[in-house]
PDB file of N, CA and C in Angstrom:
ATOM      1  N   MET A   1       5.866 -38.101 -21.655  1.00  0.00           N
ATOM      2  CA  MET A   1       4.664 -38.361 -20.881  1.00  0.00           C
ATOM      3  C   MET A   1       4.483 -37.246 -19.868  1.00  0.00           C
ATOM      4  N   ALA A   2       3.242 -36.875 -19.625  1.00  0.00           N
ATOM      5  CA  ALA A   2       2.948 -35.782 -18.705  1.00  0.00           C
ATOM      6  C   ALA A   2       3.283 -36.176 -17.272  1.00  0.00           C
ATOM      7  N   GLN A   3       3.681 -35.186 -16.505  1.00  0.00           N
ATOM      8  CA  GLN A   3       3.963 -35.430 -15.100  1.00  0.00           C
ATOM      9  C   GLN A   3       2.661 -35.677 -14.363  1.00  0.00           C
ATOM     10  N   GLY A   4       2.672 -36.623 -13.481  1.00  0.00           N
ATOM     11  CA  GLY A   4       1.505 -36.908 -12.659  1.00  0.00           C
ATOM     12  C   GLY A   4       1.536 -36.091 -11.392  1.00  0.00           C
ATOM     13  N   HIS A   5       0.490 -36.178 -10.621  1.00  0.00           N
ATOM     14  CA  HIS A   5       0.449 -35.516  -9.328  1.00  0.00           C
ATOM     15  C   HIS A   5       0.082 -36.536  -8.277  1.00  0.00           C
ATOM     16  N   ASN A   6       0.433 -36.270  -7.047  1.00  0.00           N
ATOM     17  CA  ASN A   6       0.079 -37.168  -5.960  1.00  0.00           C
ATOM     18  C   ASN A   6      -1.276 -36.786  -5.411  1.00  0.00           C
ATOM     19  N   ASP A   7      -2.162 -37.765  -5.282  1.00  0.00           N
ATOM     20  CA  ASP A   7      -3.449 -37.473  -4.673  1.00  0.00           C
ATOM     21  C   ASP A   7      -3.333 -37.648  -3.162  1.00  0.00           C
ATOM     22  N   ARG A   8      -4.431 -37.469  -2.481  1.00  0.00           N
ATOM     23  CA  ARG A   8      -4.404 -37.531  -1.016  1.00  0.00           C
ATOM     24  C   ARG A   8      -4.009 -38.892  -0.484  1.00  0.00           C
ATOM     25  N   GLU A   9      -4.170 -39.926  -1.276  1.00  0.00           N
ATOM     26  CA  GLU A   9      -3.841 -41.274  -0.825  1.00  0.00           C
ATOM     27  C   GLU A   9      -2.387 -41.632  -1.123  1.00  0.00           C
ATOM     28  N   GLY A  10      -1.647 -40.714  -1.704  1.00  0.00           N
ATOM     29  CA  GLY A  10      -0.243 -40.973  -1.958  1.00  0.00           C
ATOM     30  C   GLY A  10       0.038 -41.736  -3.234  1.00  0.00           C
ATOM     31  N   THR A  11      -0.963 -41.947  -4.078  1.00  0.00           N
ATOM     32  CA  THR A  11      -0.721 -42.638  -5.341  1.00  0.00           C
ATOM     33  C   THR A  11      -0.568 -41.604  -6.441  1.00  0.00           C
ATOM     34  N   LYS A  12       0.168 -41.934  -7.452  1.00  0.00           N
ATOM     35  CA  LYS A  12       0.454 -40.996  -8.532  1.00  0.00           C
ATOM     36  C   LYS A  12      -0.515 -41.231  -9.688  1.00  0.00           C
ATOM     37  N   ASN A  13      -1.203 -40.185 -10.095  1.00  0.00           N
ATOM     38  CA  ASN A  13      -2.147 -40.262 -11.209  1.00  0.00           C
ATOM     39  C   ASN A  13      -1.568 -39.534 -12.406  1.00  0.00           C
ATOM     40  N   MET A  14      -1.673 -40.150 -13.570  1.00  0.00           N
ATOM     41  CA  MET A  14      -1.131 -39.548 -14.778  1.00  0.00           C
ATOM     42  C   MET A  14      -2.219 -38.832 -15.581  1.00  0.00           C
ATOM     43  N   ASN A  15      -3.465 -39.231 -15.451  1.00  0.00           N
ATOM     44  CA  ASN A  15      -4.527 -38.600 -16.226  1.00  0.00           C
ATOM     45  C   ASN A  15      -5.890 -38.938 -15.651  1.00  0.00           C
ATOM     46  N   VAL A  16      -6.912 -38.455 -16.314  1.00  0.00           N
ATOM     47  CA  VAL A  16      -8.284 -38.784 -15.935  1.00  0.00           C
ATOM     48  C   VAL A  16      -8.706 -39.974 -16.780  1.00  0.00           C
ATOM     49  N   TRP A  17      -9.222 -41.004 -16.146  1.00  0.00           N
ATOM     50  CA  TRP A  17      -9.655 -42.211 -16.862  1.00  0.00           C
ATOM     51  C   TRP A  17     -11.111 -42.044 -17.240  1.00  0.00           C
ATOM     52  N   THR A  18     -11.448 -42.451 -18.433  1.00  0.00           N
ATOM     53  CA  THR A  18     -12.832 -42.354 -18.905  1.00  0.00           C
ATOM     54  C   THR A  18     -13.298 -43.714 -19.398  1.00  0.00           C
ATOM     55  N   SER A  19     -13.496 -44.601 -18.488  1.00  0.00           N
ATOM     56  CA  SER A  19     -13.918 -45.957 -18.815  1.00  0.00           C
ATOM     57  C   SER A  19     -15.434 -46.029 -18.918  1.00  0.00           C
ATOM     58  N   LYS A  20     -15.924 -47.018 -19.632  1.00  0.00           N
ATOM     59  CA  LYS A  20     -17.355 -47.255 -19.723  1.00  0.00           C
ATOM     60  C   LYS A  20     -17.691 -48.706 -19.437  1.00  0.00           C
ATOM     61  N   MET A  21     -16.740 -49.442 -18.845  1.00  0.00           N
ATOM     62  CA  MET A  21     -16.976 -50.863 -18.602  1.00  0.00           C
ATOM     63  C   MET A  21     -16.416 -51.279 -17.242  1.00  0.00           C
ATOM     64  N   LEU A  22     -17.016 -52.317 -16.721  1.00  0.00           N
ATOM     65  CA  LEU A  22     -16.458 -53.040 -15.587  1.00  0.00           C
ATOM     66  C   LEU A  22     -16.088 -54.419 -16.113  1.00  0.00           C
ATOM     67  N   ALA A  23     -15.309 -55.153 -15.340  1.00  0.00           N
ATOM     68  CA  ALA A  23     -14.930 -56.504 -15.745  1.00  0.00           C
ATOM     69  C   ALA A  23     -14.877 -57.408 -14.521  1.00  0.00           C
ATOM     70  N   MET A  24     -15.321 -58.643 -14.719  1.00  0.00           N
ATOM     71  CA  MET A  24     -15.245 -59.674 -13.691  1.00  0.00           C
ATOM     72  C   MET A  24     -14.174 -60.669 -14.127  1.00  0.00           C
ATOM     73  N   SER A  25     -13.254 -60.959 -13.238  1.00  0.00           N
ATOM     74  CA  SER A  25     -12.199 -61.912 -13.544  1.00  0.00           C
ATOM     75  C   SER A  25     -12.779 -63.322 -13.609  1.00  0.00           C
ATOM     76  N   LEU A  26     -12.440 -64.044 -14.662  1.00  0.00           N
ATOM     77  CA  LEU A  26     -12.933 -65.410 -14.847  1.00  0.00           C
ATOM     78  C   LEU A  26     -11.901 -66.470 -14.511  1.00  0.00           C
ATOM     79  N   ALA A  27     -10.640 -66.071 -14.435  1.00  0.00           N
ATOM     80  CA  ALA A  27      -9.575 -67.045 -14.212  1.00  0.00           C
ATOM     81  C   ALA A  27      -8.462 -66.417 -13.382  1.00  0.00           C
ATOM     82  N   GLY A  28      -7.719 -67.282 -12.725  1.00  0.00           N
ATOM     83  CA  GLY A  28      -6.597 -66.825 -11.918  1.00  0.00           C
ATOM     84  C   GLY A  28      -6.963 -66.759 -10.446  1.00  0.00           C
ATOM     85  N   HIS A  29      -6.004 -66.300  -9.643  1.00  0.00           N
ATOM     86  CA  HIS A  29      -6.229 -66.237  -8.203  1.00  0.00           C
ATOM     87  C   HIS A  29      -7.263 -65.183  -7.831  1.00  0.00           C
ATOM     88  N   ASP A  30      -7.580 -64.275  -8.742  1.00  0.00           N
ATOM     89  CA  ASP A  30      -8.562 -63.228  -8.493  1.00  0.00           C
ATOM     90  C   ASP A  30      -9.929 -63.539  -9.107  1.00  0.00           C
ATOM     91  N   LYS A  31     -10.171 -64.803  -9.428  1.00  0.00           N
ATOM     92  CA  LYS A  31     -11.427 -65.219 -10.063  1.00  0.00           C
ATOM     93  C   LYS A  31     -12.622 -64.694  -9.263  1.00  0.00           C
ATOM     94  N   GLY A  32     -13.560 -64.057  -9.978  1.00  0.00           N
ATOM     95  CA  GLY A  32     -14.752 -63.527  -9.347  1.00  0.00           C
ATOM     96  C   GLY A  32     -14.618 -62.088  -8.869  1.00  0.00           C
ATOM     97  N   LYS A  33     -13.442 -61.512  -8.992  1.00  0.00           N
ATOM     98  CA  LYS A  33     -13.205 -60.147  -8.529  1.00  0.00           C
ATOM     99  C   LYS A  33     -13.647 -59.143  -9.586  1.00  0.00           C
ATOM    100  N   LEU A  34     -14.189 -58.023  -9.117  1.00  0.00           N
ATOM    101  CA  LEU A  34     -14.700 -56.974  -9.980  1.00  0.00           C
ATOM    102  C   LEU A  34     -13.655 -55.872 -10.139  1.00  0.00           C
ATOM    103  N   TYR A  35     -13.506 -55.369 -11.356  1.00  0.00           N
ATOM    104  CA  TYR A  35     -12.552 -54.312 -11.674  1.00  0.00           C
ATOM    105  C   TYR A  35     -13.207 -53.260 -12.559  1.00  0.00           C
ATOM    106  N   VAL A  36     -12.630 -52.066 -12.564  1.00  0.00           N
ATOM    107  CA  VAL A  36     -12.954 -51.042 -13.542  1.00  0.00           C
ATOM    108  C   VAL A  36     -11.962 -51.206 -14.688  1.00  0.00           C
ATOM    109  N   VAL A  37     -12.460 -51.231 -15.920  1.00  0.00           N
ATOM    110  CA  VAL A  37     -11.585 -51.318 -17.090  1.00  0.00           C
ATOM    111  C   VAL A  37     -11.059 -49.913 -17.360  1.00  0.00           C
ATOM    112  N   LEU A  38      -9.746 -49.754 -17.279  1.00  0.00           N
ATOM    113  CA  LEU A  38      -9.134 -48.456 -17.530  1.00  0.00           C
ATOM    114  C   LEU A  38      -8.807 -48.258 -18.995  1.00  0.00           C
ATOM    115  N   GLU A  39      -8.333 -49.337 -19.606  1.00  0.00           N
ATOM    116  CA  GLU A  39      -7.870 -49.214 -20.983  1.00  0.00           C
ATOM    117  C   GLU A  39      -7.887 -50.581 -21.653  1.00  0.00           C
ATOM    118  N   GLU A  40      -8.223 -50.581 -22.923  1.00  0.00           N
ATOM    119  CA  GLU A  40      -8.144 -51.804 -23.718  1.00  0.00           C
ATOM    120  C   GLU A  40      -6.811 -51.803 -24.441  1.00  0.00           C
ATOM    121  N   LYS A  41      -6.127 -52.932 -24.426  1.00  0.00           N
ATOM    122  CA  LYS A  41      -4.847 -53.088 -25.118  1.00  0.00           C
ATOM    123  C   LYS A  41      -5.094 -53.902 -26.373  1.00  0.00           C
ATOM    124  N   PRO A  42      -5.411 -53.251 -27.501  1.00  0.00           N
ATOM    125  CA  PRO A  42      -5.796 -53.982 -28.712  1.00  0.00           C
ATOM    126  C   PRO A  42      -4.729 -54.926 -29.235  1.00  0.00           C
ATOM    127  N   GLY A  43      -3.490 -54.511 -29.297  1.00  0.00           N
ATOM    128  CA  GLY A  43      -2.440 -55.379 -29.812  1.00  0.00           C
ATOM    129  C   GLY A  43      -2.151 -56.546 -28.896  1.00  0.00           C
ATOM    130  N   ALA A  44      -2.284 -56.333 -27.609  1.00  0.00           N
ATOM    131  CA  ALA A  44      -1.990 -57.369 -26.624  1.00  0.00           C
ATOM    132  C   ALA A  44      -3.216 -58.226 -26.313  1.00  0.00           C
ATOM    133  N   ASP A  45      -4.400 -57.837 -26.863  1.00  0.00           N
ATOM    134  CA  ASP A  45      -5.639 -58.561 -26.618  1.00  0.00           C
ATOM    135  C   ASP A  45      -5.911 -58.692 -25.125  1.00  0.00           C
ATOM    136  N   GLY A  46      -5.848 -57.565 -24.440  1.00  0.00           N
ATOM    137  CA  GLY A  46      -6.078 -57.573 -23.009  1.00  0.00           C
ATOM    138  C   GLY A  46      -6.554 -56.218 -22.517  1.00  0.00           C
ATOM    139  N   TYR A  47      -6.629 -56.087 -21.192  1.00  0.00           N
ATOM    140  CA  TYR A  47      -7.145 -54.889 -20.559  1.00  0.00           C
ATOM    141  C   TYR A  47      -6.259 -54.490 -19.390  1.00  0.00           C
ATOM    142  N   LEU A  48      -6.285 -53.198 -19.082  1.00  0.00           N
ATOM    143  CA  LEU A  48      -5.685 -52.686 -17.857  1.00  0.00           C
ATOM    144  C   LEU A  48      -6.837 -52.462 -16.889  1.00  0.00           C
ATOM    145  N   LEU A  49      -6.750 -53.076 -15.720  1.00  0.00           N
ATOM    146  CA  LEU A  49      -7.840 -53.081 -14.752  1.00  0.00           C
ATOM    147  C   LEU A  49      -7.399 -52.480 -13.427  1.00  0.00           C
ATOM    148  N   SER A  50      -8.337 -51.881 -12.718  1.00  0.00           N
ATOM    149  CA  SER A  50      -8.054 -51.327 -11.402  1.00  0.00           C
ATOM    150  C   SER A  50      -9.167 -51.680 -10.433  1.00  0.00           C
ATOM    151  N   ASP A  51      -8.778 -51.978  -9.193  1.00  0.00           N
ATOM    152  CA  ASP A  51      -9.759 -52.150  -8.128  1.00  0.00           C
ATOM    153  C   ASP A  51      -9.650 -51.024  -7.107  1.00  0.00           C
ATOM    154  N   GLY A  52      -8.703 -50.111  -7.302  1.00  0.00           N
ATOM    155  CA  GLY A  52      -8.542 -48.962  -6.427  1.00  0.00           C
ATOM    156  C   GLY A  52      -7.804 -49.245  -5.137  1.00  0.00           C
ATOM    157  N   LYS A  53      -7.480 -50.503  -4.890  1.00  0.00           N
ATOM    158  CA  LYS A  53      -6.790 -50.858  -3.647  1.00  0.00           C
ATOM    159  C   LYS A  53      -5.483 -51.576  -3.942  1.00  0.00           C
ATOM    160  N   HIS A  54      -5.564 -52.791  -4.421  1.00  0.00           N
ATOM    161  CA  HIS A  54      -4.354 -53.560  -4.728  1.00  0.00           C
ATOM    162  C   HIS A  54      -3.797 -53.214  -6.104  1.00  0.00           C
ATOM    163  N   HIS A  55      -4.694 -52.925  -7.026  1.00  0.00           N
ATOM    164  CA  HIS A  55      -4.309 -52.540  -8.380  1.00  0.00           C
ATOM    165  C   HIS A  55      -4.837 -51.119  -8.601  1.00  0.00           C
ATOM    166  N   THR A  56      -3.959 -50.169  -8.345  1.00  0.00           N
ATOM    167  CA  THR A  56      -4.334 -48.761  -8.361  1.00  0.00           C
ATOM    168  C   THR A  56      -4.306 -48.187  -9.773  1.00  0.00           C
ATOM    169  N   LEU A  57      -4.700 -46.935  -9.892  1.00  0.00           N
ATOM    170  CA  LEU A  57      -4.674 -46.267 -11.188  1.00  0.00           C
ATOM    171  C   LEU A  57      -3.250 -46.141 -11.718  1.00  0.00           C
ATOM    172  N   SER A  58      -2.308 -45.978 -10.820  1.00  0.00           N
ATOM    173  CA  SER A  58      -0.921 -45.832 -11.258  1.00  0.00           C
ATOM    174  C   SER A  58      -0.238 -47.177 -11.505  1.00  0.00           C
ATOM    175  N   HIS A  59      -0.802 -48.264 -10.982  1.00  0.00           N
ATOM    176  CA  HIS A  59      -0.257 -49.608 -11.195  1.00  0.00           C
ATOM    177  C   HIS A  59      -1.391 -50.595 -11.471  1.00  0.00           C
ATOM    178  N   PRO A  60      -2.043 -50.463 -12.630  1.00  0.00           N
ATOM    179  CA  PRO A  60      -3.176 -51.347 -12.932  1.00  0.00           C
ATOM    180  C   PRO A  60      -2.739 -52.773 -13.243  1.00  0.00           C
ATOM    181  N   LYS A  61      -3.699 -53.666 -13.146  1.00  0.00           N
ATOM    182  CA  LYS A  61      -3.476 -55.081 -13.453  1.00  0.00           C
ATOM    183  C   LYS A  61      -3.685 -55.302 -14.944  1.00  0.00           C
ATOM    184  N   ARG A  62      -2.780 -56.041 -15.554  1.00  0.00           N
ATOM    185  CA  ARG A  62      -2.966 -56.455 -16.956  1.00  0.00           C
ATOM    186  C   ARG A  62      -3.630 -57.816 -16.949  1.00  0.00           C
ATOM    187  N   LYS A  63      -4.684 -57.953 -17.738  1.00  0.00           N
ATOM    188  CA  LYS A  63      -5.412 -59.217 -17.775  1.00  0.00           C
ATOM    189  C   LYS A  63      -5.777 -59.529 -19.215  1.00  0.00           C
ATOM    190  N   ASN A  64      -5.546 -60.774 -19.615  1.00  0.00           N
ATOM    191  CA  ASN A  64      -5.879 -61.251 -20.947  1.00  0.00           C
ATOM    192  C   ASN A  64      -7.388 -61.165 -21.156  1.00  0.00           C
ATOM    193  N   ALA A  65      -7.803 -60.768 -22.348  1.00  0.00           N
ATOM    194  CA  ALA A  65      -9.216 -60.580 -22.659  1.00  0.00           C
ATOM    195  C   ALA A  65     -10.039 -61.848 -22.449  1.00  0.00           C
ATOM    196  N   LYS A  66      -9.452 -63.005 -22.703  1.00  0.00           N
ATOM    197  CA  LYS A  66     -10.226 -64.242 -22.545  1.00  0.00           C
ATOM    198  C   LYS A  66     -10.415 -64.630 -21.079  1.00  0.00           C
ATOM    199  N   HIS A  67      -9.773 -63.912 -20.172  1.00  0.00           N
ATOM    200  CA  HIS A  67      -9.886 -64.214 -18.750  1.00  0.00           C
ATOM    201  C   HIS A  67     -10.779 -63.236 -17.999  1.00  0.00           C
ATOM    202  N   VAL A  68     -11.513 -62.393 -18.743  1.00  0.00           N
ATOM    203  CA  VAL A  68     -12.429 -61.459 -18.091  1.00  0.00           C
ATOM    204  C   VAL A  68     -13.796 -61.479 -18.764  1.00  0.00           C
ATOM    205  N   GLN A  69     -14.818 -61.208 -17.986  1.00  0.00           N
ATOM    206  CA  GLN A  69     -16.184 -61.028 -18.474  1.00  0.00           C
ATOM    207  C   GLN A  69     -16.465 -59.532 -18.402  1.00  0.00           C
ATOM    208  N   LEU A  70     -16.645 -58.893 -19.550  1.00  0.00           N
ATOM    209  CA  LEU A  70     -16.926 -57.458 -19.560  1.00  0.00           C
ATOM    210  C   LEU A  70     -18.369 -57.196 -19.168  1.00  0.00           C
ATOM    211  N   ILE A  71     -18.567 -56.121 -18.411  1.00  0.00           N
ATOM    212  CA  ILE A  71     -19.897 -55.686 -18.000  1.00  0.00           C
ATOM    213  C   ILE A  71     -20.097 -54.316 -18.625  1.00  0.00           C
ATOM    214  N   THR A  72     -20.918 -54.261 -19.665  1.00  0.00           N
ATOM    215  CA  THR A  72     -21.079 -53.021 -20.412  1.00  0.00           C
ATOM    216  C   THR A  72     -22.416 -52.339 -20.157  1.00  0.00           C
ATOM    217  N   HIS A  73     -23.410 -53.060 -19.675  1.00  0.00           N
ATOM    218  CA  HIS A  73     -24.722 -52.478 -19.378  1.00  0.00           C
ATOM    219  C   HIS A  73     -24.713 -52.027 -17.928  1.00  0.00           C
ATOM    220  N   LEU A  74     -24.423 -50.742 -17.749  1.00  0.00           N
ATOM    221  CA  LEU A  74     -24.281 -50.181 -16.411  1.00  0.00           C
ATOM    222  C   LEU A  74     -25.353 -49.128 -16.161  1.00  0.00           C
ATOM    223  N   PRO A  75     -25.742 -48.946 -14.897  1.00  0.00           N
ATOM    224  CA  PRO A  75     -26.689 -47.869 -14.574  1.00  0.00           C
ATOM    225  C   PRO A  75     -26.104 -46.506 -14.948  1.00  0.00           C
ATOM    226  N   GLU A  76     -26.967 -45.565 -15.297  1.00  0.00           N
ATOM    227  CA  GLU A  76     -26.528 -44.224 -15.691  1.00  0.00           C
ATOM    228  C   GLU A  76     -25.695 -43.563 -14.601  1.00  0.00           C
ATOM    229  N   SER A  77     -26.063 -43.774 -13.345  1.00  0.00           N
ATOM    230  CA  SER A  77     -25.310 -43.159 -12.247  1.00  0.00           C
ATOM    231  C   SER A  77     -23.874 -43.684 -12.202  1.00  0.00           C
ATOM    232  N   THR A  78     -23.701 -44.959 -12.471  1.00  0.00           N
ATOM    233  CA  THR A  78     -22.364 -45.551 -12.496  1.00  0.00           C
ATOM    234  C   THR A  78     -21.561 -45.010 -13.671  1.00  0.00           C
ATOM    235  N   LEU A  79     -22.192 -44.923 -14.839  1.00  0.00           N
ATOM    236  CA  LEU A  79     -21.511 -44.392 -16.015  1.00  0.00           C
ATOM    237  C   LEU A  79     -21.055 -42.952 -15.796  1.00  0.00           C
ATOM    238  N   ALA A  80     -21.900 -42.155 -15.150  1.00  0.00           N
ATOM    239  CA  ALA A  80     -21.543 -40.760 -14.883  1.00  0.00           C
ATOM    240  C   ALA A  80     -20.317 -40.684 -13.978  1.00  0.00           C
ATOM    241  N   ARG A  81     -20.286 -41.511 -12.941  1.00  0.00           N
ATOM    242  CA  ARG A  81     -19.130 -41.528 -12.034  1.00  0.00           C
ATOM    243  C   ARG A  81     -17.863 -41.994 -12.741  1.00  0.00           C
ATOM    244  N   MET A  82     -18.011 -42.923 -13.657  1.00  0.00           N
ATOM    245  CA  MET A  82     -16.842 -43.476 -14.328  1.00  0.00           C
ATOM    246  C   MET A  82     -16.174 -42.458 -15.240  1.00  0.00           C
ATOM    247  N   GLN A  83     -16.903 -41.440 -15.660  1.00  0.00           N
ATOM    248  CA  GLN A  83     -16.323 -40.406 -16.509  1.00  0.00           C
ATOM    249  C   GLN A  83     -15.464 -39.424 -15.720  1.00  0.00           C
ATOM    250  N   GLU A  84     -15.476 -39.544 -14.403  1.00  0.00           N
ATOM    251  CA  GLU A  84     -14.758 -38.599 -13.547  1.00  0.00           C
ATOM    252  C   GLU A  84     -13.705 -39.277 -12.676  1.00  0.00           C
ATOM    253  N   ILE A  85     -13.235 -40.437 -13.053  1.00  0.00           N
ATOM    254  CA  ILE A  85     -12.258 -41.153 -12.242  1.00  0.00           C
ATOM    255  C   ILE A  85     -10.907 -40.446 -12.287  1.00  0.00           C
ATOM    256  N   THR A  86     -10.468 -39.974 -11.140  1.00  0.00           N
ATOM    257  CA  THR A  86      -9.133 -39.387 -11.016  1.00  0.00           C
ATOM    258  C   THR A  86      -8.386 -39.939  -9.815  1.00  0.00           C
ATOM    259  N   LEU A  87      -9.105 -40.559  -8.888  1.00  0.00           N
ATOM    260  CA  LEU A  87      -8.512 -41.092  -7.673  1.00  0.00           C
ATOM    261  C   LEU A  87      -8.871 -42.562  -7.499  1.00  0.00           C
ATOM    262  N   ASP A  88      -8.036 -43.270  -6.785  1.00  0.00           N
ATOM    263  CA  ASP A  88      -8.334 -44.667  -6.463  1.00  0.00           C
ATOM    264  C   ASP A  88      -9.614 -44.776  -5.640  1.00  0.00           C
ATOM    265  N   ALA A  89      -9.891 -43.766  -4.829  1.00  0.00           N
ATOM    266  CA  ALA A  89     -11.121 -43.762  -4.025  1.00  0.00           C
ATOM    267  C   ALA A  89     -12.357 -43.754  -4.930  1.00  0.00           C
ATOM    268  N   HIS A  90     -12.274 -43.092  -6.081  1.00  0.00           N
ATOM    269  CA  HIS A  90     -13.394 -43.093  -7.029  1.00  0.00           C
ATOM    270  C   HIS A  90     -13.652 -44.510  -7.544  1.00  0.00           C
ATOM    271  N   VAL A  91     -12.593 -45.228  -7.850  1.00  0.00           N
ATOM    272  CA  VAL A  91     -12.719 -46.608  -8.342  1.00  0.00           C
ATOM    273  C   VAL A  91     -13.376 -47.478  -7.275  1.00  0.00           C
ATOM    274  N   ARG A  92     -12.896 -47.378  -6.043  1.00  0.00           N
ATOM    275  CA  ARG A  92     -13.465 -48.186  -4.955  1.00  0.00           C
ATOM    276  C   ARG A  92     -14.947 -47.881  -4.754  1.00  0.00           C
ATOM    277  N   LYS A  93     -15.330 -46.615  -4.830  1.00  0.00           N
ATOM    278  CA  LYS A  93     -16.724 -46.208  -4.645  1.00  0.00           C
ATOM    279  C   LYS A  93     -17.605 -46.765  -5.768  1.00  0.00           C
ATOM    280  N   ILE A  94     -17.130 -46.700  -6.996  1.00  0.00           N
ATOM    281  CA  ILE A  94     -17.876 -47.238  -8.139  1.00  0.00           C
ATOM    282  C   ILE A  94     -18.115 -48.736  -7.959  1.00  0.00           C
ATOM    283  N   LEU A  95     -17.070 -49.475  -7.609  1.00  0.00           N
ATOM    284  CA  LEU A  95     -17.195 -50.926  -7.447  1.00  0.00           C
ATOM    285  C   LEU A  95     -18.117 -51.278  -6.279  1.00  0.00           C
ATOM    286  N   LYS A  96     -18.023 -50.528  -5.194  1.00  0.00           N
ATOM    287  CA  LYS A  96     -18.870 -50.775  -4.028  1.00  0.00           C
ATOM    288  C   LYS A  96     -20.336 -50.523  -4.367  1.00  0.00           C
ATOM    289  N   ASP A  97     -20.606 -49.390  -5.034  1.00  0.00           N
ATOM    290  CA  ASP A  97     -21.984 -49.056  -5.385  1.00  0.00           C
ATOM    291  C   ASP A  97     -22.564 -50.040  -6.399  1.00  0.00           C
ATOM    292  N   TYR A  98     -21.760 -50.450  -7.380  1.00  0.00           N
ATOM    293  CA  TYR A  98     -22.240 -51.402  -8.379  1.00  0.00           C
ATOM    294  C   TYR A  98     -22.567 -52.741  -7.712  1.00  0.00           C
ATOM    295  N   SER A  99     -21.708 -53.201  -6.827  1.00  0.00           N
ATOM    296  CA  SER A  99     -21.945 -54.473  -6.124  1.00  0.00           C
ATOM    297  C   SER A  99     -23.223 -54.402  -5.296  1.00  0.00           C
ATOM    298  N   ALA A 100     -23.445 -53.284  -4.612  1.00  0.00           N
ATOM    299  CA  ALA A 100     -24.655 -53.119  -3.815  1.00  0.00           C
ATOM    300  C   ALA A 100     -25.889 -53.124  -4.713  1.00  0.00           C
ATOM    301  N   ASN A 101     -25.788 -52.482  -5.873  1.00  0.00           N
ATOM    302  CA  ASN A 101     -26.892 -52.432  -6.825  1.00  0.00           C
ATOM    303  C   ASN A 101     -27.234 -53.833  -7.328  1.00  0.00           C
ATOM    304  N   VAL A 102     -26.217 -54.620  -7.646  1.00  0.00           N
ATOM    305  CA  VAL A 102     -26.432 -55.989  -8.132  1.00  0.00           C
ATOM    306  C   VAL A 102     -27.075 -56.847  -7.044  1.00  0.00           C
ATOM    307  N   GLN A 103     -26.628 -56.691  -5.807  1.00  0.00           N
ATOM    308  CA  GLN A 103     -27.210 -57.458  -4.704  1.00  0.00           C
ATOM    309  C   GLN A 103     -28.676 -57.097  -4.491  1.00  0.00           C
ATOM    310  N   GLN A 104     -29.008 -55.808  -4.621  1.00  0.00           N
ATOM    311  CA  GLN A 104     -30.409 -55.395  -4.492  1.00  0.00           C
ATOM    312  C   GLN A 104     -31.260 -56.007  -5.593  1.00  0.00           C
ATOM    313  N   GLN A 105     -30.749 -56.007  -6.821  1.00  0.00           N
ATOM    314  CA  GLN A 105     -31.497 -56.593  -7.931  1.00  0.00           C
ATOM    315  C   GLN A 105     -31.687 -58.093  -7.723  1.00  0.00           C
ATOM    316  N   ASP A 106     -30.642 -58.775  -7.245  1.00  0.00           N
ATOM    317  CA  ASP A 106     -30.752 -60.209  -6.977  1.00  0.00           C
ATOM    318  C   ASP A 106     -31.797 -60.486  -5.906  1.00  0.00           C
ATOM    319  N   ALA A 107     -31.831 -59.645  -4.871  1.00  0.00           N
ATOM    320  CA  ALA A 107     -32.802 -59.820  -3.795  1.00  0.00           C
ATOM    321  C   ALA A 107     -34.223 -59.612  -4.320  1.00  0.00           C
ATOM    322  N   ARG A 108     -34.409 -58.599  -5.185  1.00  0.00           N
ATOM    323  CA  ARG A 108     -35.737 -58.358  -5.772  1.00  0.00           C
ATOM    324  C   ARG A 108     -36.178 -59.525  -6.636  1.00  0.00           C
ATOM    325  N   MET A 109     -35.260 -60.036  -7.454  1.00  0.00           N
ATOM    326  CA  MET A 109     -35.594 -61.169  -8.324  1.00  0.00           C
ATOM    327  C   MET A 109     -35.943 -62.397  -7.492  1.00  0.00           C
ATOM    328  N   SER A 110     -35.183 -62.630  -6.448  1.00  0.00           N
ATOM    329  CA  SER A 110     -35.441 -63.766  -5.573  1.00  0.00           C
ATOM    330  C   SER A 110     -36.806 -63.632  -4.907  1.00  0.00           C
ATOM    331  N   SER A 111     -37.122 -62.422  -4.487  1.00  0.00           N
ATOM    332  CA  SER A 111     -38.417 -62.167  -3.865  1.00  0.00           C
ATOM    333  C   SER A 111     -39.565 -62.409  -4.835  1.00  0.00           C
ATOM    334  N   LEU A 112     -39.395 -61.953  -6.073  1.00  0.00           N
ATOM    335  CA  LEU A 112     -40.424 -62.183  -7.092  1.00  0.00           C
ATOM    336  C   LEU A 112     -40.595 -63.660  -7.404  1.00  0.00           C
ATOM    337  N   GLU A 113     -39.495 -64.382  -7.470  1.00  0.00           N
ATOM    338  CA  GLU A 113     -39.571 -65.818  -7.743  1.00  0.00           C
ATOM    339  C   GLU A 113     -40.285 -66.544  -6.616  1.00  0.00           C
ATOM    340  N   ASN A 114     -39.988 -66.167  -5.372  1.00  0.00           N
ATOM    341  CA  ASN A 114     -40.651 -66.807  -4.231  1.00  0.00           C
ATOM    342  C   ASN A 114     -42.137 -66.525  -4.229  1.00  0.00           C
ATOM    343  N   LYS A 115     -42.547 -65.318  -4.604  1.00  0.00           N
ATOM    344  CA  LYS A 115     -43.980 -64.975  -4.651  1.00  0.00           C
ATOM    345  C   LYS A 115     -44.686 -65.775  -5.738  1.00  0.00           C
ATOM    346  N   SER A 116     -44.052 -65.955  -6.876  1.00  0.00           N
ATOM    347  CA  SER A 116     -44.709 -66.668  -7.958  1.00  0.00           C
ATOM    348  C   SER A 116     -44.857 -68.165  -7.649  1.00  0.00           C
ATOM    349  N   PHE A 117     -43.929 -68.718  -6.865  1.00  0.00           N
ATOM    350  CA  PHE A 117     -44.037 -70.126  -6.475  1.00  0.00           C
ATOM    351  C   PHE A 117     -45.060 -70.345  -5.379  1.00  0.00           C
ATOM    352  N   SER A 118     -45.295 -69.346  -4.557  1.00  0.00           N
ATOM    353  CA  SER A 118     -46.219 -69.524  -3.445  1.00  0.00           C
ATOM    354  C   SER A 118     -47.667 -69.318  -3.836  1.00  0.00           C
ATOM    355  N   THR A 119     -47.943 -68.788  -5.018  1.00  0.00           N
ATOM    356  CA  THR A 119     -49.348 -68.555  -5.414  1.00  0.00           C
ATOM    357  C   THR A 119     -49.907 -69.700  -6.196  1.00  0.00           C
TER     358      THR A 119
END
């Protein structure tokens, strides 16, 4: 295995991750938590997940496939960032931006629903 390097946050990275999915935990103590999918484990029927803080790139969380909801329809800006993940800070930024984007969409939908009921 290739030698990793230490990033500025003191975590060891072994490679560049090229994920195209996010995942929401459906079960366990982390239910409702958002993660970046780092790798699919086909034989184990699960995923390696990172949140950039508690479950870093060097120590990802293993989660059974039936306990996660995959999010595959992502904005282009998020997909572009996900192709360049090398630091835990990148993971945290992706999750923060995606959450903000979802909240904005929810607010817009709520606003539209309120307008349609008031007319």
